[in-house]
Amino acid sequence: MFRRTFWFGTGVAAGVWATTKVNRKLKQLTPDSLAATAANKALDVGTRVRDRAVGFALDVRDNMAQREAELDDALGLNAPVDRELAAPGRPYAIENSDSSNPKYVVDDRTTHSYNRNEDH
């Protein structure tokens, strides 16, 4: 009698376990569940791609700044500017004596008109 009760209980437990597993699998295979799973996976992939793209963009920006500094050094663009070689007639300061009519202070050289039509 005890043996029959044990095997009956084991059979009931196995049946409940199998029914639960089958019902879970059927719920996973419904269209709504499949759509939700696909959306979650797409979000995960999108996040992963965005993180890699941001890392790549930062690497590109760092390497671009490094290469630009190398080119500036090679071309001498980081060297101090010599005032004697400045273009003639360029204003370099604004005199603030009369705030309504500011005047440009120009170095001792003559000023030139830079009208494109006068070059002909």
PDB file of N, CA and C in Angstrom:
ATOM      1  N   MET A   1       0.804  -1.175   0.000  1.00  0.00           N
ATOM      2  CA  MET A   1       0.000   0.000   0.000  1.00  0.00           C
ATOM      3  C   MET A   1       0.867   1.266   0.000  1.00  0.00           C
ATOM      4  N   PHE A   2       1.869   1.224   0.856  1.00  0.00           N
ATOM      5  CA  PHE A   2       2.771   2.358   0.911  1.00  0.00           C
ATOM      6  C   PHE A   2       3.497   2.537  -0.415  1.00  0.00           C
ATOM      7  N   ARG A   3       3.880   1.442  -1.032  1.00  0.00           N
ATOM      8  CA  ARG A   3       4.580   1.481  -2.301  1.00  0.00           C
ATOM      9  C   ARG A   3       3.685   2.092  -3.389  1.00  0.00           C
ATOM     10  N   ARG A   4       2.410   1.731  -3.440  1.00  0.00           N
ATOM     11  CA  ARG A   4       1.495   2.283  -4.417  1.00  0.00           C
ATOM     12  C   ARG A   4       1.290   3.778  -4.199  1.00  0.00           C
ATOM     13  N   THR A   5       1.204   4.213  -2.942  1.00  0.00           N
ATOM     14  CA  THR A   5       1.039   5.629  -2.617  1.00  0.00           C
ATOM     15  C   THR A   5       2.270   6.407  -3.051  1.00  0.00           C
ATOM     16  N   PHE A   6       3.444   5.867  -2.825  1.00  0.00           N
ATOM     17  CA  PHE A   6       4.687   6.529  -3.230  1.00  0.00           C
ATOM     18  C   PHE A   6       4.719   6.720  -4.737  1.00  0.00           C
ATOM     19  N   TRP A   7       4.434   5.666  -5.502  1.00  0.00           N
ATOM     20  CA  TRP A   7       4.490   5.768  -6.947  1.00  0.00           C
ATOM     21  C   TRP A   7       3.367   6.650  -7.498  1.00  0.00           C
ATOM     22  N   PHE A   8       2.224   6.657  -6.845  1.00  0.00           N
ATOM     23  CA  PHE A   8       1.143   7.551  -7.255  1.00  0.00           C
ATOM     24  C   PHE A   8       1.575   9.011  -7.053  1.00  0.00           C
ATOM     25  N   GLY A   9       2.169   9.314  -5.906  1.00  0.00           N
ATOM     26  CA  GLY A   9       2.654  10.674  -5.618  1.00  0.00           C
ATOM     27  C   GLY A   9       3.751  11.090  -6.582  1.00  0.00           C
ATOM     28  N   THR A  10       4.641  10.155  -6.901  1.00  0.00           N
ATOM     29  CA  THR A  10       5.716  10.448  -7.854  1.00  0.00           C
ATOM     30  C   THR A  10       5.131  10.725  -9.235  1.00  0.00           C
ATOM     31  N   GLY A  11       4.129   9.977  -9.637  1.00  0.00           N
ATOM     32  CA  GLY A  11       3.485  10.194 -10.925  1.00  0.00           C
ATOM     33  C   GLY A  11       2.763  11.537 -10.983  1.00  0.00           C
ATOM     34  N   VAL A  12       2.086  11.894  -9.895  1.00  0.00           N
ATOM     35  CA  VAL A  12       1.405  13.189  -9.842  1.00  0.00           C
ATOM     36  C   VAL A  12       2.430  14.324  -9.929  1.00  0.00           C
ATOM     37  N   ALA A  13       3.524  14.226  -9.199  1.00  0.00           N
ATOM     38  CA  ALA A  13       4.572  15.267  -9.221  1.00  0.00           C
ATOM     39  C   ALA A  13       5.172  15.384 -10.614  1.00  0.00           C
ATOM     40  N   ALA A  14       5.433  14.249 -11.253  1.00  0.00           N
ATOM     41  CA  ALA A  14       5.993  14.276 -12.611  1.00  0.00           C
ATOM     42  C   ALA A  14       4.995  14.885 -13.580  1.00  0.00           C
ATOM     43  N   GLY A  15       3.721  14.595 -13.416  1.00  0.00           N
ATOM     44  CA  GLY A  15       2.692  15.172 -14.282  1.00  0.00           C
ATOM     45  C   GLY A  15       2.572  16.674 -14.098  1.00  0.00           C
ATOM     46  N   VAL A  16       2.602  17.132 -12.860  1.00  0.00           N
ATOM     47  CA  VAL A  16       2.532  18.578 -12.583  1.00  0.00           C
ATOM     48  C   VAL A  16       3.759  19.276 -13.163  1.00  0.00           C
ATOM     49  N   TRP A  17       4.927  18.661 -12.967  1.00  0.00           N
ATOM     50  CA  TRP A  17       6.165  19.253 -13.483  1.00  0.00           C
ATOM     51  C   TRP A  17       6.120  19.347 -15.008  1.00  0.00           C
ATOM     52  N   ALA A  18       5.697  18.273 -15.670  1.00  0.00           N
ATOM     53  CA  ALA A  18       5.649  18.249 -17.135  1.00  0.00           C
ATOM     54  C   ALA A  18       4.608  19.242 -17.648  1.00  0.00           C
ATOM     55  N   THR A  19       3.459  19.321 -16.996  1.00  0.00           N
ATOM     56  CA  THR A  19       2.418  20.267 -17.411  1.00  0.00           C
ATOM     57  C   THR A  19       2.904  21.703 -17.268  1.00  0.00           C
ATOM     58  N   THR A  20       3.591  21.988 -16.174  1.00  0.00           N
ATOM     59  CA  THR A  20       4.122  23.345 -15.958  1.00  0.00           C
ATOM     60  C   THR A  20       5.139  23.705 -17.030  1.00  0.00           C
ATOM     61  N   LYS A  21       6.027  22.768 -17.340  1.00  0.00           N
ATOM     62  CA  LYS A  21       7.044  23.029 -18.374  1.00  0.00           C
ATOM     63  C   LYS A  21       6.393  23.264 -19.731  1.00  0.00           C
ATOM     64  N   VAL A  22       5.422  22.469 -20.093  1.00  0.00           N
ATOM     65  CA  VAL A  22       4.756  22.601 -21.386  1.00  0.00           C
ATOM     66  C   VAL A  22       4.007  23.934 -21.451  1.00  0.00           C
ATOM     67  N   ASN A  23       3.324  24.296 -20.374  1.00  0.00           N
ATOM     68  CA  ASN A  23       2.581  25.569 -20.370  1.00  0.00           C
ATOM     69  C   ASN A  23       3.531  26.767 -20.482  1.00  0.00           C
ATOM     70  N   ARG A  24       4.660  26.708 -19.806  1.00  0.00           N
ATOM     71  CA  ARG A  24       5.646  27.804 -19.923  1.00  0.00           C
ATOM     72  C   ARG A  24       6.147  27.923 -21.360  1.00  0.00           C
ATOM     73  N   LYS A  25       6.461  26.799 -21.971  1.00  0.00           N
ATOM     74  CA  LYS A  25       6.967  26.809 -23.343  1.00  0.00           C
ATOM     75  C   LYS A  25       5.898  27.322 -24.302  1.00  0.00           C
ATOM     76  N   LEU A  26       4.639  26.956 -24.088  1.00  0.00           N
ATOM     77  CA  LEU A  26       3.559  27.446 -24.939  1.00  0.00           C
ATOM     78  C   LEU A  26       3.376  28.961 -24.784  1.00  0.00           C
ATOM     79  N   LYS A  27       3.525  29.460 -23.564  1.00  0.00           N
ATOM     80  CA  LYS A  27       3.419  30.913 -23.348  1.00  0.00           C
ATOM     81  C   LYS A  27       4.572  31.649 -24.021  1.00  0.00           C
ATOM     82  N   GLN A  28       5.744  31.018 -24.045  1.00  0.00           N
ATOM     83  CA  GLN A  28       6.894  31.647 -24.699  1.00  0.00           C
ATOM     84  C   GLN A  28       6.724  31.695 -26.209  1.00  0.00           C
ATOM     85  N   LEU A  29       5.924  30.816 -26.748  1.00  0.00           N
ATOM     86  CA  LEU A  29       5.759  30.739 -28.189  1.00  0.00           C
ATOM     87  C   LEU A  29       4.542  31.518 -28.706  1.00  0.00           C
ATOM     88  N   THR A  30       3.851  32.252 -27.832  1.00  0.00           N
ATOM     89  CA  THR A  30       2.739  33.080 -28.309  1.00  0.00           C
ATOM     90  C   THR A  30       3.306  34.273 -29.071  1.00  0.00           C
ATOM     91  N   PRO A  31       2.543  34.840 -30.008  1.00  0.00           N
ATOM     92  CA  PRO A  31       3.044  35.978 -30.794  1.00  0.00           C
ATOM     93  C   PRO A  31       3.445  37.185 -29.934  1.00  0.00           C
ATOM     94  N   ASP A  32       2.669  37.486 -28.899  1.00  0.00           N
ATOM     95  CA  ASP A  32       3.015  38.626 -28.034  1.00  0.00           C
ATOM     96  C   ASP A  32       4.337  38.396 -27.320  1.00  0.00           C
ATOM     97  N   SER A  33       4.527  37.179 -26.832  1.00  0.00           N
ATOM     98  CA  SER A  33       5.769  36.870 -26.125  1.00  0.00           C
ATOM     99  C   SER A  33       6.958  36.888 -27.077  1.00  0.00           C
ATOM    100  N   LEU A  34       6.764  36.360 -28.285  1.00  0.00           N
ATOM    101  CA  LEU A  34       7.852  36.380 -29.263  1.00  0.00           C
ATOM    102  C   LEU A  34       8.207  37.813 -29.659  1.00  0.00           C
ATOM    103  N   ALA A  35       7.188  38.673 -29.803  1.00  0.00           N
ATOM    104  CA  ALA A  35       7.449  40.070 -30.148  1.00  0.00           C
ATOM    105  C   ALA A  35       8.193  40.775 -29.020  1.00  0.00           C
ATOM    106  N   ALA A  36       7.790  40.518 -27.779  1.00  0.00           N
ATOM    107  CA  ALA A  36       8.469  41.139 -26.634  1.00  0.00           C
ATOM    108  C   ALA A  36       9.914  40.667 -26.540  1.00  0.00           C
ATOM    109  N   THR A  37      10.143  39.391 -26.765  1.00  0.00           N
ATOM    110  CA  THR A  37      11.509  38.856 -26.722  1.00  0.00           C
ATOM    111  C   THR A  37      12.364  39.480 -27.823  1.00  0.00           C
ATOM    112  N   ALA A  38      11.800  39.586 -29.025  1.00  0.00           N
ATOM    113  CA  ALA A  38      12.549  40.188 -30.136  1.00  0.00           C
ATOM    114  C   ALA A  38      12.849  41.659 -29.853  1.00  0.00           C
ATOM    115  N   ALA A  39      11.886  42.378 -29.267  1.00  0.00           N
ATOM    116  CA  ALA A  39      12.110  43.793 -28.941  1.00  0.00           C
ATOM    117  C   ALA A  39      13.203  43.940 -27.889  1.00  0.00           C
ATOM    118  N   ASN A  40      13.188  43.092 -26.892  1.00  0.00           N
ATOM    119  CA  ASN A  40      14.227  43.166 -25.851  1.00  0.00           C
ATOM    120  C   ASN A  40      15.605  42.875 -26.423  1.00  0.00           C
ATOM    121  N   LYS A  41      15.677  41.890 -27.289  1.00  0.00           N
ATOM    122  CA  LYS A  41      16.978  41.565 -27.900  1.00  0.00           C
ATOM    123  C   LYS A  41      17.447  42.695 -28.814  1.00  0.00           C
ATOM    124  N   ALA A  42      16.504  43.317 -29.530  1.00  0.00           N
ATOM    125  CA  ALA A  42      16.876  44.451 -30.387  1.00  0.00           C
ATOM    126  C   ALA A  42      17.388  45.616 -29.553  1.00  0.00           C
ATOM    127  N   LEU A  43      16.753  45.868 -28.412  1.00  0.00           N
ATOM    128  CA  LEU A  43      17.227  46.941 -27.528  1.00  0.00           C
ATOM    129  C   LEU A  43      18.627  46.641 -26.998  1.00  0.00           C
ATOM    130  N   ASP A  44      18.856  45.381 -26.635  1.00  0.00           N
ATOM    131  CA  ASP A  44      20.188  45.002 -26.156  1.00  0.00           C
ATOM    132  C   ASP A  44      21.242  45.191 -27.238  1.00  0.00           C
ATOM    133  N   VAL A  45      20.917  44.755 -28.447  1.00  0.00           N
ATOM    134  CA  VAL A  45      21.864  44.914 -29.560  1.00  0.00           C
ATOM    135  C   VAL A  45      22.091  46.392 -29.853  1.00  0.00           C
ATOM    136  N   GLY A  46      21.013  47.192 -29.843  1.00  0.00           N
ATOM    137  CA  GLY A  46      21.151  48.634 -30.081  1.00  0.00           C
ATOM    138  C   GLY A  46      22.026  49.304 -29.045  1.00  0.00           C
ATOM    139  N   THR A  47      21.849  48.930 -27.790  1.00  0.00           N
ATOM    140  CA  THR A  47      22.684  49.498 -26.725  1.00  0.00           C
ATOM    141  C   THR A  47      24.144  49.111 -26.924  1.00  0.00           C
ATOM    142  N   ARG A  48      24.377  47.856 -27.270  1.00  0.00           N
ATOM    143  CA  ARG A  48      25.746  47.399 -27.481  1.00  0.00           C
ATOM    144  C   ARG A  48      26.400  48.120 -28.655  1.00  0.00           C
ATOM    145  N   VAL A  49      25.644  48.286 -29.750  1.00  0.00           N
ATOM    146  CA  VAL A  49      26.178  48.981 -30.934  1.00  0.00           C
ATOM    147  C   VAL A  49      26.460  50.437 -30.608  1.00  0.00           C
ATOM    148  N   ARG A  50      25.552  51.100 -29.881  1.00  0.00           N
ATOM    149  CA  ARG A  50      25.749  52.501 -29.516  1.00  0.00           C
ATOM    150  C   ARG A  50      26.996  52.669 -28.643  1.00  0.00           C
ATOM    151  N   ASP A  51      27.170  51.770 -27.686  1.00  0.00           N
ATOM    152  CA  ASP A  51      28.352  51.856 -26.822  1.00  0.00           C
ATOM    153  C   ASP A  51      29.632  51.699 -27.622  1.00  0.00           C
ATOM    154  N   ARG A  52      29.629  50.772 -28.573  1.00  0.00           N
ATOM    155  CA  ARG A  52      30.823  50.591 -29.401  1.00  0.00           C
ATOM    156  C   ARG A  52      31.052  51.784 -30.317  1.00  0.00           C
ATOM    157  N   ALA A  53      29.968  52.356 -30.844  1.00  0.00           N
ATOM    158  CA  ALA A  53      30.102  53.516 -31.730  1.00  0.00           C
ATOM    159  C   ALA A  53      30.621  54.719 -30.961  1.00  0.00           C
ATOM    160  N   VAL A  54      30.154  54.902 -29.732  1.00  0.00           N
ATOM    161  CA  VAL A  54      30.636  56.018 -28.922  1.00  0.00           C
ATOM    162  C   VAL A  54      32.115  55.822 -28.609  1.00  0.00           C
ATOM    163  N   GLY A  55      32.504  54.611 -28.269  1.00  0.00           N
ATOM    164  CA  GLY A  55      33.916  54.332 -28.007  1.00  0.00           C
ATOM    165  C   GLY A  55      34.771  54.565 -29.238  1.00  0.00           C
ATOM    166  N   PHE A  56      34.261  54.149 -30.393  1.00  0.00           N
ATOM    167  CA  PHE A  56      34.992  54.364 -31.647  1.00  0.00           C
ATOM    168  C   PHE A  56      35.115  55.852 -31.942  1.00  0.00           C
ATOM    169  N   ALA A  57      34.027  56.613 -31.733  1.00  0.00           N
ATOM    170  CA  ALA A  57      34.068  58.055 -31.999  1.00  0.00           C
ATOM    171  C   ALA A  57      35.066  58.746 -31.073  1.00  0.00           C
ATOM    172  N   LEU A  58      35.113  58.330 -29.819  1.00  0.00           N
ATOM    173  CA  LEU A  58      36.084  58.927 -28.891  1.00  0.00           C
ATOM    174  C   LEU A  58      37.511  58.595 -29.307  1.00  0.00           C
ATOM    175  N   ASP A  59      37.738  57.367 -29.757  1.00  0.00           N
ATOM    176  CA  ASP A  59      39.078  56.991 -30.229  1.00  0.00           C
ATOM    177  C   ASP A  59      39.468  57.807 -31.453  1.00  0.00           C
ATOM    178  N   VAL A  60      38.526  57.972 -32.376  1.00  0.00           N
ATOM    179  CA  VAL A  60      38.806  58.761 -33.581  1.00  0.00           C
ATOM    180  C   VAL A  60      39.123  60.200 -33.203  1.00  0.00           C
ATOM    181  N   ARG A  61      38.347  60.775 -32.287  1.00  0.00           N
ATOM    182  CA  ARG A  61      38.568  62.162 -31.876  1.00  0.00           C
ATOM    183  C   ARG A  61      39.933  62.332 -31.209  1.00  0.00           C
ATOM    184  N   ASP A  62      40.309  61.385 -30.352  1.00  0.00           N
ATOM    185  CA  ASP A  62      41.616  61.464 -29.693  1.00  0.00           C
ATOM    186  C   ASP A  62      42.754  61.356 -30.708  1.00  0.00           C
ATOM    187  N   ASN A  63      42.636  60.394 -31.616  1.00  0.00           N
ATOM    188  CA  ASN A  63      43.685  60.227 -32.627  1.00  0.00           C
ATOM    189  C   ASN A  63      43.735  61.422 -33.573  1.00  0.00           C
ATOM    190  N   MET A  64      42.579  62.013 -33.882  1.00  0.00           N
ATOM    191  CA  MET A  64      42.544  63.183 -34.752  1.00  0.00           C
ATOM    192  C   MET A  64      43.247  64.369 -34.085  1.00  0.00           C
ATOM    193  N   ALA A  65      42.985  64.559 -32.781  1.00  0.00           N
ATOM    194  CA  ALA A  65      43.641  65.651 -32.066  1.00  0.00           C
ATOM    195  C   ALA A  65      45.150  65.422 -31.992  1.00  0.00           C
ATOM    196  N   GLN A  66      45.546  64.178 -31.771  1.00  0.00           N
ATOM    197  CA  GLN A  66      46.980  63.866 -31.719  1.00  0.00           C
ATOM    198  C   GLN A  66      47.642  64.128 -33.069  1.00  0.00           C
ATOM    199  N   ARG A  67      46.994  63.688 -34.148  1.00  0.00           N
ATOM    200  CA  ARG A  67      47.568  63.881 -35.488  1.00  0.00           C
ATOM    201  C   ARG A  67      47.601  65.359 -35.848  1.00  0.00           C
ATOM    202  N   GLU A  68      46.569  66.111 -35.453  1.00  0.00           N
ATOM    203  CA  GLU A  68      46.556  67.544 -35.724  1.00  0.00           C
ATOM    204  C   GLU A  68      47.687  68.253 -34.989  1.00  0.00           C
ATOM    205  N   ALA A  69      47.952  67.829 -33.744  1.00  0.00           N
ATOM    206  CA  ALA A  69      49.070  68.416 -33.000  1.00  0.00           C
ATOM    207  C   ALA A  69      50.404  68.086 -33.671  1.00  0.00           C
ATOM    208  N   GLU A  70      50.531  66.849 -34.176  1.00  0.00           N
ATOM    209  CA  GLU A  70      51.762  66.473 -34.876  1.00  0.00           C
ATOM    210  C   GLU A  70      51.949  67.321 -36.136  1.00  0.00           C
ATOM    211  N   LEU A  71      50.855  67.521 -36.885  1.00  0.00           N
ATOM    212  CA  LEU A  71      50.955  68.331 -38.102  1.00  0.00           C
ATOM    213  C   LEU A  71      51.246  69.792 -37.767  1.00  0.00           C
ATOM    214  N   ASP A  72      50.636  70.318 -36.712  1.00  0.00           N
ATOM    215  CA  ASP A  72      50.913  71.696 -36.301  1.00  0.00           C
ATOM    216  C   ASP A  72      52.382  71.869 -35.943  1.00  0.00           C
ATOM    217  N   ASP A  73      52.942  70.888 -35.225  1.00  0.00           N
ATOM    218  CA  ASP A  73      54.359  70.952 -34.877  1.00  0.00           C
ATOM    219  C   ASP A  73      55.230  70.864 -36.130  1.00  0.00           C
ATOM    220  N   ALA A  74      54.852  69.977 -37.055  1.00  0.00           N
ATOM    221  CA  ALA A  74      55.647  69.807 -38.269  1.00  0.00           C
ATOM    222  C   ALA A  74      55.613  71.056 -39.148  1.00  0.00           C
ATOM    223  N   LEU A  75      54.484  71.740 -39.187  1.00  0.00           N
ATOM    224  CA  LEU A  75      54.350  72.944 -40.013  1.00  0.00           C
ATOM    225  C   LEU A  75      54.750  74.225 -39.280  1.00  0.00           C
ATOM    226  N   GLY A  76      55.066  74.092 -38.004  1.00  0.00           N
ATOM    227  CA  GLY A  76      55.490  75.254 -37.231  1.00  0.00           C
ATOM    228  C   GLY A  76      54.348  76.169 -36.841  1.00  0.00           C
ATOM    229  N   LEU A  77      53.135  75.649 -36.769  1.00  0.00           N
ATOM    230  CA  LEU A  77      51.989  76.487 -36.418  1.00  0.00           C
ATOM    231  C   LEU A  77      51.908  76.769 -34.925  1.00  0.00           C
ATOM    232  N   ASN A  78      52.618  76.011 -34.118  1.00  0.00           N
ATOM    233  CA  ASN A  78      52.616  76.234 -32.677  1.00  0.00           C
ATOM    234  C   ASN A  78      53.713  77.197 -32.239  1.00  0.00           C
ATOM    235  N   ALA A  79      54.529  77.653 -33.191  1.00  0.00           N
ATOM    236  CA  ALA A  79      55.624  78.571 -32.865  1.00  0.00           C
ATOM    237  C   ALA A  79      55.042  79.941 -32.510  1.00  0.00           C
ATOM    238  N   PRO A  80      55.733  80.717 -31.677  1.00  0.00           N
ATOM    239  CA  PRO A  80      55.235  82.050 -31.336  1.00  0.00           C
ATOM    240  C   PRO A  80      55.195  82.950 -32.573  1.00  0.00           C
ATOM    241  N   VAL A  81      54.201  83.837 -32.598  1.00  0.00           N
ATOM    242  CA  VAL A  81      53.999  84.732 -33.733  1.00  0.00           C
ATOM    243  C   VAL A  81      54.945  85.917 -33.622  1.00  0.00           C
ATOM    244  N   ASP A  82      55.636  86.235 -34.720  1.00  0.00           N
ATOM    245  CA  ASP A  82      56.547  87.372 -34.753  1.00  0.00           C
ATOM    246  C   ASP A  82      55.769  88.591 -35.240  1.00  0.00           C
ATOM    247  N   ARG A  83      55.696  89.669 -34.460  1.00  0.00           N
ATOM    248  CA  ARG A  83      54.937  90.874 -34.814  1.00  0.00           C
ATOM    249  C   ARG A  83      55.510  91.566 -36.052  1.00  0.00           C
ATOM    250  N   GLU A  84      56.767  91.400 -36.311  1.00  0.00           N
ATOM    251  CA  GLU A  84      57.378  92.046 -37.465  1.00  0.00           C
ATOM    252  C   GLU A  84      56.866  91.457 -38.776  1.00  0.00           C
ATOM    253  N   LEU A  85      56.389  90.219 -38.740  1.00  0.00           N
ATOM    254  CA  LEU A  85      55.923  89.562 -39.946  1.00  0.00           C
ATOM    255  C   LEU A  85      54.412  89.681 -40.130  1.00  0.00           C
ATOM    256  N   ALA A  86      53.760  90.461 -39.277  1.00  0.00           N
ATOM    257  CA  ALA A  86      52.309  90.596 -39.370  1.00  0.00           C
ATOM    258  C   ALA A  86      51.933  91.313 -40.659  1.00  0.00           C
ATOM    259  N   ALA A  87      50.742  91.051 -41.157  1.00  0.00           N
ATOM    260  CA  ALA A  87      50.281  91.673 -42.396  1.00  0.00           C
ATOM    261  C   ALA A  87      50.159  93.178 -42.203  1.00  0.00           C
ATOM    262  N   PRO A  88      50.541  93.972 -43.211  1.00  0.00           N
ATOM    263  CA  PRO A  88      50.482  95.432 -43.061  1.00  0.00           C
ATOM    264  C   PRO A  88      49.038  95.929 -43.004  1.00  0.00           C
ATOM    265  N   GLY A  89      48.835  96.956 -42.199  1.00  0.00           N
ATOM    266  CA  GLY A  89      47.556  97.630 -42.134  1.00  0.00           C
ATOM    267  C   GLY A  89      46.474  96.886 -41.379  1.00  0.00           C
ATOM    268  N   ARG A  90      46.786  95.838 -40.654  1.00  0.00           N
ATOM    269  CA  ARG A  90      45.789  95.097 -39.919  1.00  0.00           C
ATOM    270  C   ARG A  90      45.538  95.753 -38.570  1.00  0.00           C
ATOM    271  N   PRO A  91      44.302  96.000 -38.195  1.00  0.00           N
ATOM    272  CA  PRO A  91      44.034  96.554 -36.870  1.00  0.00           C
ATOM    273  C   PRO A  91      44.325  95.514 -35.799  1.00  0.00           C
ATOM    274  N   TYR A  92      44.925  95.941 -34.723  1.00  0.00           N
ATOM    275  CA  TYR A  92      45.224  94.988 -33.671  1.00  0.00           C
ATOM    276  C   TYR A  92      44.658  95.407 -32.334  1.00  0.00           C
ATOM    277  N   ALA A  93      44.024  96.571 -32.230  1.00  0.00           N
ATOM    278  CA  ALA A  93      43.397  96.977 -30.979  1.00  0.00           C
ATOM    279  C   ALA A  93      42.313  97.999 -31.284  1.00  0.00           C
ATOM    280  N   ILE A  94      41.375  98.124 -30.385  1.00  0.00           N
ATOM    281  CA  ILE A  94      40.324  99.123 -30.520  1.00  0.00           C
ATOM    282  C   ILE A  94      40.511 100.134 -29.396  1.00  0.00           C
ATOM    283  N   GLU A  95      40.549 101.401 -29.760  1.00  0.00           N
ATOM    284  CA  GLU A  95      40.704 102.462 -28.780  1.00  0.00           C
ATOM    285  C   GLU A  95      39.334 102.740 -28.175  1.00  0.00           C
ATOM    286  N   ASN A  96      39.239 102.763 -26.863  1.00  0.00           N
ATOM    287  CA  ASN A  96      37.961 102.915 -26.186  1.00  0.00           C
ATOM    288  C   ASN A  96      37.749 104.321 -25.636  1.00  0.00           C
ATOM    289  N   SER A  97      38.351 105.335 -26.205  1.00  0.00           N
ATOM    290  CA  SER A  97      38.198 106.682 -25.683  1.00  0.00           C
ATOM    291  C   SER A  97      36.790 107.212 -25.936  1.00  0.00           C
ATOM    292  N   ASP A  98      36.224 106.918 -27.080  1.00  0.00           N
ATOM    293  CA  ASP A  98      34.870 107.372 -27.403  1.00  0.00           C
ATOM    294  C   ASP A  98      34.052 106.119 -27.699  1.00  0.00           C
ATOM    295  N   SER A  99      33.162 105.734 -26.778  1.00  0.00           N
ATOM    296  CA  SER A  99      32.441 104.472 -26.927  1.00  0.00           C
ATOM    297  C   SER A  99      31.432 104.517 -28.063  1.00  0.00           C
ATOM    298  N   SER A 100      30.970 105.701 -28.478  1.00  0.00           N
ATOM    299  CA  SER A 100      29.982 105.765 -29.553  1.00  0.00           C
ATOM    300  C   SER A 100      30.623 105.574 -30.925  1.00  0.00           C
ATOM    301  N   ASN A 101      31.911 105.916 -31.071  1.00  0.00           N
ATOM    302  CA  ASN A 101      32.587 105.786 -32.352  1.00  0.00           C
ATOM    303  C   ASN A 101      33.963 105.163 -32.117  1.00  0.00           C
ATOM    304  N   PRO A 102      34.040 103.824 -32.044  1.00  0.00           N
ATOM    305  CA  PRO A 102      35.360 103.221 -31.786  1.00  0.00           C
ATOM    306  C   PRO A 102      36.265 103.376 -33.008  1.00  0.00           C
ATOM    307  N   LYS A 103      37.540 103.616 -32.740  1.00  0.00           N
ATOM    308  CA  LYS A 103      38.530 103.770 -33.804  1.00  0.00           C
ATOM    309  C   LYS A 103      39.501 102.608 -33.722  1.00  0.00           C
ATOM    310  N   TYR A 104      39.865 102.136 -34.864  1.00  0.00           N
ATOM    311  CA  TYR A 104      40.858 101.078 -34.903  1.00  0.00           C
ATOM    312  C   TYR A 104      42.238 101.702 -34.861  1.00  0.00           C
ATOM    313  N   VAL A 105      43.083 101.175 -33.987  1.00  0.00           N
ATOM    314  CA  VAL A 105      44.466 101.609 -33.926  1.00  0.00           C
ATOM    315  C   VAL A 105      45.246 100.707 -34.872  1.00  0.00           C
ATOM    316  N   VAL A 106      45.881 101.320 -35.851  1.00  0.00           N
ATOM    317  CA  VAL A 106      46.593 100.581 -36.874  1.00  0.00           C
ATOM    318  C   VAL A 106      48.071 100.846 -36.695  1.00  0.00           C
ATOM    319  N   ASP A 107      48.874  99.842 -37.003  1.00  0.00           N
ATOM    320  CA  ASP A 107      50.316 100.054 -36.871  1.00  0.00           C
ATOM    321  C   ASP A 107      50.774 101.112 -37.882  1.00  0.00           C
ATOM    322  N   ASP A 108      52.051 101.466 -37.876  1.00  0.00           N
ATOM    323  CA  ASP A 108      52.583 102.594 -38.635  1.00  0.00           C
ATOM    324  C   ASP A 108      52.505 102.409 -40.149  1.00  0.00           C
ATOM    325  N   ARG A 109      52.267 101.229 -40.626  1.00  0.00           N
ATOM    326  CA  ARG A 109      52.240 100.991 -42.064  1.00  0.00           C
ATOM    327  C   ARG A 109      50.941 101.521 -42.666  1.00  0.00           C
ATOM    328  N   THR A 110      50.931 101.673 -43.963  1.00  0.00           N
ATOM    329  CA  THR A 110      49.740 102.203 -44.628  1.00  0.00           C
ATOM    330  C   THR A 110      48.676 101.123 -44.738  1.00  0.00           C
ATOM    331  N   THR A 111      47.446 101.561 -44.782  1.00  0.00           N
ATOM    332  CA  THR A 111      46.348 100.605 -44.915  1.00  0.00           C
ATOM    333  C   THR A 111      46.044 100.401 -46.391  1.00  0.00           C
ATOM    334  N   HIS A 112      45.539  99.238 -46.704  1.00  0.00           N
ATOM    335  CA  HIS A 112      45.218  98.905 -48.076  1.00  0.00           C
ATOM    336  C   HIS A 112      43.749  98.525 -48.170  1.00  0.00           C
ATOM    337  N   SER A 113      43.138  98.911 -49.266  1.00  0.00           N
ATOM    338  CA  SER A 113      41.776  98.493 -49.530  1.00  0.00           C
ATOM    339  C   SER A 113      41.814  97.100 -50.120  1.00  0.00           C
ATOM    340  N   TYR A 114      40.964  96.231 -49.633  1.00  0.00           N
ATOM    341  CA  TYR A 114      40.961  94.868 -50.113  1.00  0.00           C
ATOM    342  C   TYR A 114      39.706  94.595 -50.936  1.00  0.00           C
ATOM    343  N   ASN A 115      39.387  95.499 -51.833  1.00  0.00           N
ATOM    344  CA  ASN A 115      38.270  95.321 -52.714  1.00  0.00           C
ATOM    345  C   ASN A 115      38.712  94.434 -53.876  1.00  0.00           C
ATOM    346  N   ARG A 116      37.985  93.364 -54.125  1.00  0.00           N
ATOM    347  CA  ARG A 116      38.399  92.441 -55.176  1.00  0.00           C
ATOM    348  C   ARG A 116      38.337  93.070 -56.553  1.00  0.00           C
ATOM    349  N   ASN A 117      37.469  94.031 -56.735  1.00  0.00           N
ATOM    350  CA  ASN A 117      37.308  94.636 -58.055  1.00  0.00           C
ATOM    351  C   ASN A 117      38.466  95.585 -58.410  1.00  0.00           C
ATOM    352  N   GLU A 118      39.240  96.043 -57.443  1.00  0.00           N
ATOM    353  CA  GLU A 118      40.343  96.960 -57.705  1.00  0.00           C
ATOM    354  C   GLU A 118      41.601  96.240 -58.156  1.00  0.00           C
ATOM    355  N   ASP A 119      41.618  94.949 -58.101  1.00  0.00           N
ATOM    356  CA  ASP A 119      42.837  94.203 -58.483  1.00  0.00           C
ATOM    357  C   ASP A 119      42.999  94.135 -60.001  1.00  0.00           C
ATOM    358  N   HIS A 120      42.068  94.517 -60.778  1.00  0.00           N
ATOM    359  CA  HIS A 120      42.124  94.353 -62.231  1.00  0.00           C
ATOM    360  C   HIS A 120      42.880  95.452 -62.892  1.00  0.00           C
TER     361      HIS A 120
END
